[in-house]
Amino acid sequence: MEQDAKAIAAKADAVVLAVGFDKDTESEGGDRTFTLPAGQDELIREIAAVNPNTVVVLTAGGAVDARPWLDRVPAFVHAWYPGQAGGQALADILIGNVNPSGRLPISYDRSWEENPAHDSYYPSPGTDRIVYKEGVFVGYRGYDRGHKQPLFPFGFGLSYTDFRYETLTVNANPGGYEVKFNVTNTGKVAGADVAQVYVGDTHSPVARPPKELKAFAKVSLAPGETKTVTVNLDSRAFAYYDTGAKQWRADPGDFDILVGRSAEQIELRGKITLPAFSTR
């Protein structure tokens, strides 16, 4: 790269380095590479080498291979495609005017080969037929089943403050179950966290993921503030589709109730015993 650019980067207090894709390199009409476009990995490494305060901002519709440079930069922001106001929003976050509270809607792959859909993504040799072998085990469900850790888990996101989860209670109500817990902002700035409630079925006669997201709630808290979060789980939160009976079915028995900040960071655990009831 140009030595002048590196010299300017070295003198700056911090560098915001925008990389990723555009309408010519990523679209819904075709696949793109899992790696960044040519030269961008090298650009990040060279700029980070001369300025340790380099923030990588990625424009992309999904995960990329961040392994070549992730451990060389202190901050990585996935901006997706934020639109015409995205630059201002990014600036507000980076300078601290806004405390970020976004959460990943995907599992951020460490490598394409580890993606649960990898082995059934391409046609069978000599054919144009693709068999989707992963079934319901896509995304975090597939990572959980395979006991693999993605680079960043589903539901992950950072904040300028910290949160503590406590006091989980799960009680039956007329429509299903009420899940309640406390969230406390233990940091020094106001912020919002996204509490995620997962349900795990360990006794089903069909293969089910170890846990599935069934509810979530975003809670905004001042420094030191505690709020009680309440979410409701109806009968469908425990059900699977019975292809033989052609209806939703929830088998009586024990279910795990897991409350966390991501699919991997589970903070609270509970259990309920489900009686028999219709889920039609």
Protein backbone atom coordinates (compact mmCIF):
# COMPACT_ATOMS: atom_id res chain seq x y z
CA MET A 1 0.00 0.00 0.00
CA GLU A 2 1.01 3.65 -0.30
CA GLN A 3 3.66 4.63 2.24
CA ASP A 4 2.02 8.06 2.59
CA ALA A 5 -1.18 6.42 3.80
CA LYS A 6 0.71 4.39 6.38
CA ALA A 7 2.57 7.50 7.56
CA ILE A 8 -0.73 9.38 8.04
CA ALA A 9 -2.25 6.41 9.89
CA ALA A 10 0.80 6.18 12.17
CA LYS A 11 0.40 9.83 13.24
CA ALA A 12 -3.35 9.63 13.93
CA ASP A 13 -4.80 9.15 17.41
CA ALA A 14 -7.00 6.40 15.94
CA VAL A 15 -7.91 4.97 12.56
CA VAL A 16 -11.39 3.99 11.41
CA LEU A 17 -10.85 1.55 8.55
CA ALA A 18 -13.90 0.82 6.38
CA VAL A 19 -13.78 -2.51 4.54
CA GLY A 20 -16.22 -5.00 3.07
CA PHE A 21 -18.52 -5.31 0.09
CA ASP A 22 -20.76 -3.20 -2.13
CA LYS A 23 -23.54 -3.77 -4.66
CA ASP A 24 -21.05 -5.09 -7.19
CA THR A 25 -19.45 -7.67 -4.88
CA GLU A 26 -22.44 -8.81 -2.80
CA SER A 27 -26.07 -9.23 -3.73
CA GLU A 28 -29.03 -11.53 -3.19
CA GLY A 29 -28.60 -12.82 -6.73
CA GLY A 30 -25.37 -14.70 -6.14
CA ASP A 31 -22.81 -15.92 -3.64
CA ARG A 32 -19.76 -13.97 -2.54
CA THR A 33 -16.52 -15.15 -1.04
CA PHE A 34 -16.21 -15.76 2.69
CA THR A 35 -12.93 -13.82 2.58
CA LEU A 36 -12.84 -10.07 2.18
CA PRO A 37 -12.22 -8.68 -1.32
CA ALA A 38 -8.64 -8.83 -2.57
CA GLY A 39 -6.17 -6.70 -0.64
CA GLN A 40 -8.40 -5.81 2.30
CA ASP A 41 -6.92 -8.31 4.78
CA GLU A 42 -3.46 -6.97 3.96
CA LEU A 43 -4.69 -3.39 4.33
CA ILE A 44 -6.02 -4.08 7.82
CA ARG A 45 -2.84 -5.83 8.92
CA GLU A 46 -0.57 -3.06 7.63
CA ILE A 47 -2.59 -0.20 9.14
CA ALA A 48 -2.94 -2.03 12.47
CA ALA A 49 0.82 -2.56 12.50
CA VAL A 50 1.49 1.20 12.46
CA ASN A 51 -1.46 2.28 14.64
CA PRO A 52 -2.67 -0.01 17.45
CA ASN A 53 -5.89 2.05 17.76
CA THR A 54 -7.39 0.78 14.52
CA VAL A 55 -11.16 0.23 14.38
CA VAL A 56 -12.32 -2.10 11.61
CA VAL A 57 -15.80 -1.28 10.29
CA LEU A 58 -17.27 -3.96 8.05
CA THR A 59 -20.00 -3.45 5.47
CA ALA A 60 -21.43 -6.88 4.64
CA GLY A 61 -24.65 -8.85 4.69
CA GLY A 62 -23.18 -11.70 6.69
CA ALA A 63 -20.06 -13.09 8.30
CA VAL A 64 -16.57 -12.89 6.82
CA ASP A 65 -13.27 -14.56 7.65
CA ALA A 66 -11.91 -12.23 10.33
CA ARG A 67 -9.15 -14.57 11.50
CA PRO A 68 -6.31 -12.94 9.49
CA TRP A 69 -6.55 -9.69 11.49
CA LEU A 70 -9.00 -9.94 14.40
CA ASP A 71 -6.31 -10.37 17.07
CA ARG A 72 -4.45 -7.31 15.74
CA VAL A 73 -7.19 -4.71 16.24
CA PRO A 74 -8.89 -3.56 19.46
CA ALA A 75 -12.33 -2.95 17.93
CA PHE A 76 -14.42 -4.57 15.21
CA VAL A 77 -17.83 -3.18 14.20
CA HIS A 78 -20.09 -5.09 11.82
CA ALA A 79 -22.18 -2.31 10.28
CA TRP A 80 -24.20 -4.51 7.86
CA TYR A 81 -25.68 -2.11 5.26
CA PRO A 82 -26.71 0.84 7.45
CA GLY A 83 -28.00 3.24 4.79
CA GLN A 84 -27.45 6.97 4.34
CA ALA A 85 -27.48 7.72 8.09
CA GLY A 86 -25.08 4.91 8.89
CA GLY A 87 -22.00 7.11 9.02
CA GLN A 88 -23.51 9.41 11.63
CA ALA A 89 -24.75 6.45 13.68
CA LEU A 90 -21.31 4.87 13.57
CA ALA A 91 -19.63 8.13 14.64
CA ASP A 92 -22.04 8.50 17.58
CA ILE A 93 -21.16 5.00 18.77
CA LEU A 94 -17.40 5.33 18.34
CA ILE A 95 -17.13 8.65 20.19
CA GLY A 96 -19.47 7.50 22.95
CA ASN A 97 -22.56 9.60 22.27
CA VAL A 98 -24.53 6.35 21.99
CA ASN A 99 -24.01 3.14 23.90
CA PRO A 100 -24.35 0.26 21.38
CA SER A 101 -26.92 -2.42 22.13
CA GLY A 102 -27.18 -4.35 18.86
CA ARG A 103 -26.98 -8.14 18.91
CA LEU A 104 -25.91 -10.59 16.21
CA PRO A 105 -28.84 -12.21 14.37
CA ILE A 106 -26.46 -14.93 13.15
CA SER A 107 -23.69 -17.15 14.42
CA TYR A 108 -20.48 -15.54 13.16
CA ASP A 109 -18.52 -18.35 11.58
CA ARG A 110 -14.90 -18.96 12.45
CA SER A 111 -14.49 -20.64 9.08
CA TRP A 112 -16.84 -21.51 6.23
CA GLU A 113 -16.02 -25.19 6.68
CA GLU A 114 -17.43 -25.13 10.23
CA ASN A 115 -20.79 -23.71 9.17
CA PRO A 116 -23.52 -26.32 9.85
CA ALA A 117 -24.80 -25.90 6.27
CA HIS A 118 -21.39 -26.42 4.63
CA ASP A 119 -21.72 -30.12 3.87
CA SER A 120 -25.10 -29.76 2.18
CA TYR A 121 -24.55 -26.45 0.41
CA TYR A 122 -23.30 -27.79 -2.91
CA PRO A 123 -24.96 -30.22 -5.36
CA SER A 124 -24.10 -33.90 -5.13
CA PRO A 125 -21.25 -34.74 -7.52
CA GLY A 126 -22.46 -35.11 -11.09
CA THR A 127 -25.95 -33.80 -10.30
CA ASP A 128 -27.83 -30.56 -9.80
CA ARG A 129 -29.55 -31.94 -6.68
CA ILE A 130 -28.93 -30.52 -3.21
CA VAL A 131 -30.08 -32.41 -0.12
CA TYR A 132 -30.41 -30.15 2.90
CA LYS A 133 -29.03 -32.60 5.43
CA GLU A 134 -28.82 -30.12 8.31
CA GLY A 135 -32.60 -30.05 8.80
CA VAL A 136 -33.47 -27.76 11.72
CA PHE A 137 -29.84 -27.70 12.87
CA VAL A 138 -28.88 -24.44 11.21
CA GLY A 139 -27.10 -21.47 12.80
CA TYR A 140 -26.59 -21.68 16.55
CA ARG A 141 -28.67 -24.88 16.67
CA GLY A 142 -26.09 -26.61 14.51
CA TYR A 143 -23.16 -25.22 16.46
CA ASP A 144 -24.73 -26.41 19.71
CA ARG A 145 -25.41 -29.86 18.33
CA GLY A 146 -21.86 -30.21 16.98
CA HIS A 147 -20.28 -28.82 20.17
CA LYS A 148 -18.43 -26.18 18.14
CA GLN A 149 -17.85 -22.54 18.99
CA PRO A 150 -18.35 -19.93 16.29
CA LEU A 151 -16.14 -16.86 16.24
CA PHE A 152 -19.00 -14.86 17.78
CA PRO A 153 -22.20 -16.57 18.95
CA PHE A 154 -25.77 -15.79 17.94
CA GLY A 155 -27.12 -12.95 20.09
CA PHE A 156 -23.64 -11.56 20.90
CA GLY A 157 -22.98 -7.84 21.23
CA LEU A 158 -20.79 -5.51 23.26
CA SER A 159 -21.64 -2.44 25.33
CA TYR A 160 -19.81 0.33 27.14
CA THR A 161 -21.24 -0.98 30.39
CA ASP A 162 -21.78 -4.35 32.12
CA PHE A 163 -24.88 -6.20 33.27
CA ARG A 164 -25.69 -8.75 35.95
CA TYR A 165 -28.54 -11.28 35.81
CA GLU A 166 -30.14 -12.66 38.98
CA THR A 167 -33.21 -14.24 40.58
CA LEU A 168 -34.84 -16.39 37.93
CA THR A 169 -38.37 -17.58 38.61
CA VAL A 170 -40.63 -19.58 36.28
CA ASN A 171 -44.31 -19.95 37.12
CA ALA A 172 -47.27 -21.42 35.31
CA ASN A 173 -50.00 -19.04 34.14
CA PRO A 174 -53.23 -19.61 32.18
CA GLY A 175 -51.47 -19.23 28.82
CA GLY A 176 -48.25 -21.10 29.54
CA TYR A 177 -45.37 -19.93 31.73
CA GLU A 178 -44.15 -16.59 33.06
CA VAL A 179 -40.37 -16.17 33.18
CA LYS A 180 -39.07 -13.41 35.47
CA PHE A 181 -35.55 -12.30 36.35
CA ASN A 182 -33.62 -9.20 37.39
CA VAL A 183 -31.08 -7.34 35.26
CA THR A 184 -28.71 -4.79 36.83
CA ASN A 185 -26.47 -2.26 35.09
CA THR A 186 -23.23 -2.67 37.06
CA GLY A 187 -21.25 -0.11 35.04
CA LYS A 188 -20.89 3.65 35.06
CA VAL A 189 -22.91 4.61 31.98
CA ALA A 190 -26.48 4.07 30.86
CA GLY A 191 -27.04 1.18 28.50
CA ALA A 192 -29.41 -1.45 27.19
CA ASP A 193 -29.08 -5.22 27.18
CA VAL A 194 -31.03 -7.81 25.22
CA ALA A 195 -32.07 -10.65 27.50
CA GLN A 196 -32.62 -13.89 25.60
CA VAL A 197 -34.79 -16.78 26.81
CA TYR A 198 -34.02 -20.22 25.38
CA VAL A 199 -35.92 -23.47 25.87
CA GLY A 200 -34.24 -26.89 25.83
CA ASP A 201 -36.11 -30.15 25.29
CA THR A 202 -34.11 -33.19 26.43
CA HIS A 203 -36.84 -35.83 26.23
CA SER A 204 -38.40 -35.40 22.78
CA PRO A 205 -38.82 -38.52 20.60
CA VAL A 206 -37.54 -36.49 17.60
CA ALA A 207 -34.17 -34.80 17.22
CA ARG A 208 -34.30 -31.27 18.59
CA PRO A 209 -31.62 -28.64 19.18
CA PRO A 210 -30.12 -28.44 22.69
CA LYS A 211 -31.85 -25.08 23.04
CA GLU A 212 -33.96 -22.71 20.95
CA LEU A 213 -34.59 -18.99 21.34
CA LYS A 214 -38.23 -18.50 22.30
CA ALA A 215 -38.38 -14.93 23.65
CA PHE A 216 -36.26 -11.86 24.22
CA ALA A 217 -36.58 -8.46 25.82
CA LYS A 218 -34.52 -5.29 25.54
CA VAL A 219 -34.07 -3.52 28.86
CA SER A 220 -32.63 -0.01 29.27
CA LEU A 221 -30.90 0.77 32.55
CA ALA A 222 -29.22 3.73 34.21
CA PRO A 223 -25.93 3.07 36.05
CA GLY A 224 -26.66 0.92 39.10
CA GLU A 225 -30.32 0.44 38.17
CA THR A 226 -32.09 -2.91 38.44
CA LYS A 227 -35.24 -3.89 36.57
CA THR A 228 -37.36 -7.01 36.66
CA VAL A 229 -37.85 -8.47 33.19
CA THR A 230 -40.91 -10.58 32.46
CA VAL A 231 -41.47 -12.69 29.35
CA ASN A 232 -44.24 -15.18 28.64
CA LEU A 233 -43.85 -18.55 27.00
CA ASP A 234 -46.98 -20.05 25.47
CA SER A 235 -47.51 -23.72 24.57
CA ARG A 236 -45.84 -23.30 21.16
CA ALA A 237 -42.57 -22.38 22.89
CA PHE A 238 -42.23 -26.05 23.87
CA ALA A 239 -43.59 -27.62 20.69
CA TYR A 240 -42.24 -29.21 17.53
CA TYR A 241 -44.10 -30.03 14.34
CA ASP A 242 -45.22 -33.66 14.26
CA THR A 243 -45.09 -34.54 10.56
CA GLY A 244 -47.06 -37.74 11.08
CA ALA A 245 -49.94 -36.09 12.92
CA LYS A 246 -49.58 -32.88 10.89
CA GLN A 247 -49.80 -30.66 13.95
CA TRP A 248 -47.66 -28.98 16.57
CA ARG A 249 -46.90 -31.19 19.53
CA ALA A 250 -45.36 -30.63 22.97
CA ASP A 251 -44.50 -33.78 24.86
CA PRO A 252 -45.06 -33.69 28.64
CA GLY A 253 -41.89 -33.73 30.70
CA ASP A 254 -38.97 -31.59 31.81
CA PHE A 255 -37.75 -28.57 29.83
CA ASP A 256 -34.75 -26.37 30.53
CA ILE A 257 -35.32 -22.61 30.76
CA LEU A 258 -32.11 -20.74 29.94
CA VAL A 259 -31.67 -16.97 30.19
CA GLY A 260 -28.60 -15.40 28.65
CA ARG A 261 -26.88 -12.56 26.84
CA SER A 262 -26.11 -14.75 23.81
CA ALA A 263 -26.50 -18.36 22.73
CA GLU A 264 -23.24 -19.15 24.54
CA GLN A 265 -23.39 -16.79 27.51
CA ILE A 266 -26.16 -18.34 29.61
CA GLU A 267 -26.54 -16.48 32.93
CA LEU A 268 -29.52 -18.19 34.57
CA ARG A 269 -30.93 -21.73 34.43
CA GLY A 270 -34.28 -23.11 35.46
CA LYS A 271 -36.55 -26.03 34.71
CA ILE A 272 -40.25 -26.66 34.26
CA THR A 273 -42.28 -29.85 34.02
CA LEU A 274 -44.83 -29.61 31.25
CA PRO A 275 -48.15 -31.37 31.67
CA ALA A 276 -50.05 -32.71 28.68
CA PHE A 277 -51.99 -30.06 26.75
CA SER A 278 -52.97 -29.39 23.17
CA THR A 279 -50.75 -27.12 21.01
CA ARG A 280 -53.02 -26.83 17.98
